[in-house]
Amino acid sequence: MARIKHGTLVANTPTQVDVGQGINTVEVTIVSNPAPIYFRVDGINPVIEGDDCQVVPAGVGASLGVATPATPDTRLISAGTPKYCVRGL
């Protein structure tokens, strides 16, 4: 079952967010305290400005949806402390 998760990132610390299995897309949105969010959906910890990472640009309401593998494992990181919303679709 897909889920919607909310939280606040700790600067420079990878965070795992479980939005469930059997989904096709993960969407990451910045809710407040805008700072870019780098993320991966393959279980590998993202790196700030790292290769192979998706990025949601800084800005309240900025979002990005990406296709997921069969068993998504979403992980986020930021240099700041943005509040986020992650949805499994």
Protein backbone atom coordinates (compact mmCIF):
# COMPACT_ATOMS: atom_id res chain seq x y z
CA MET A 1 0.00 0.00 0.00
CA ALA A 2 1.35 3.41 -0.97
CA ARG A 3 1.86 5.95 1.76
CA ILE A 4 2.53 9.65 2.23
CA LYS A 5 5.31 10.54 4.67
CA HIS A 6 6.29 13.92 6.13
CA GLY A 7 9.41 14.91 8.03
CA THR A 8 12.32 17.29 8.43
CA LEU A 9 15.79 16.44 7.20
CA VAL A 10 18.82 16.74 9.46
CA ALA A 11 21.57 18.59 7.58
CA ASN A 12 24.10 16.30 5.85
CA THR A 13 22.42 13.13 7.16
CA PRO A 14 20.83 10.51 4.85
CA THR A 15 17.23 9.67 5.76
CA GLN A 16 15.33 6.57 4.64
CA VAL A 17 11.61 7.07 3.90
CA ASP A 18 9.34 4.02 3.47
CA VAL A 19 6.37 4.77 1.22
CA GLY A 20 5.47 1.12 0.69
CA GLN A 21 5.86 -1.49 -2.00
CA GLY A 22 4.10 -1.99 -5.31
CA ILE A 23 4.27 1.66 -6.36
CA ASN A 24 5.39 3.05 -9.71
CA THR A 25 6.55 6.55 -8.75
CA VAL A 26 8.02 8.36 -5.76
CA GLU A 27 7.39 12.11 -5.55
CA VAL A 28 9.49 14.31 -3.22
CA THR A 29 8.21 17.82 -2.36
CA ILE A 30 9.82 20.61 -0.31
CA VAL A 31 7.23 21.87 2.19
CA SER A 32 9.25 24.59 3.99
CA ASN A 33 12.81 25.69 4.86
CA PRO A 34 13.81 25.46 1.20
CA ALA A 35 17.13 23.79 0.45
CA PRO A 36 17.82 21.34 -2.38
CA ILE A 37 16.96 17.71 -1.59
CA TYR A 38 19.01 14.98 -3.27
CA PHE A 39 17.46 11.53 -3.37
CA ARG A 40 17.65 7.99 -4.69
CA VAL A 41 15.03 5.24 -4.84
CA ASP A 42 17.39 2.26 -5.18
CA GLY A 43 18.50 1.86 -1.55
CA ILE A 44 21.81 3.63 -2.00
CA ASN A 45 22.46 6.65 0.22
CA PRO A 46 22.43 9.85 -1.84
CA VAL A 47 25.27 12.35 -1.73
CA ILE A 48 24.83 16.13 -1.84
CA GLU A 49 25.51 17.14 -5.46
CA GLY A 50 26.36 13.48 -6.10
CA ASP A 51 26.28 11.57 -9.35
CA ASP A 52 23.22 9.39 -10.01
CA CYS A 53 21.10 11.39 -7.51
CA GLN A 54 17.83 13.08 -8.34
CA VAL A 55 17.47 16.65 -7.05
CA VAL A 56 14.51 18.76 -6.00
CA PRO A 57 15.66 22.38 -6.43
CA ALA A 58 15.34 24.73 -3.46
CA GLY A 59 11.92 26.34 -3.25
CA VAL A 60 8.77 25.81 -1.23
CA GLY A 61 6.47 23.62 -3.30
CA ALA A 62 9.24 22.37 -5.58
CA SER A 63 8.78 18.68 -6.33
CA LEU A 64 10.06 15.86 -8.50
CA GLY A 65 8.56 12.48 -9.26
CA VAL A 66 10.65 9.55 -10.52
CA ALA A 67 9.90 5.99 -11.56
CA THR A 68 10.81 3.37 -8.97
CA PRO A 69 12.28 -0.12 -9.13
CA ALA A 70 10.05 -3.04 -8.14
CA THR A 71 11.12 -2.69 -4.50
CA PRO A 72 11.68 1.03 -3.86
CA ASP A 73 13.97 2.16 -1.05
CA THR A 74 13.84 5.95 -0.95
CA ARG A 75 16.65 7.90 0.72
CA LEU A 76 17.02 11.70 1.00
CA ILE A 77 19.77 14.13 1.99
CA SER A 78 20.20 17.92 2.09
CA ALA A 79 22.79 20.41 3.28
CA GLY A 80 19.91 22.27 4.96
CA THR A 81 16.93 21.25 7.06
CA PRO A 82 13.97 21.31 4.66
CA LYS A 83 10.62 19.87 5.64
CA TYR A 84 9.55 17.32 3.04
CA CYS A 85 6.64 15.26 1.81
CA VAL A 86 7.30 11.94 0.04
CA ARG A 87 4.42 10.23 -1.77
CA GLY A 88 4.29 6.79 -3.28
CA LEU A 89 2.10 6.83 -6.38
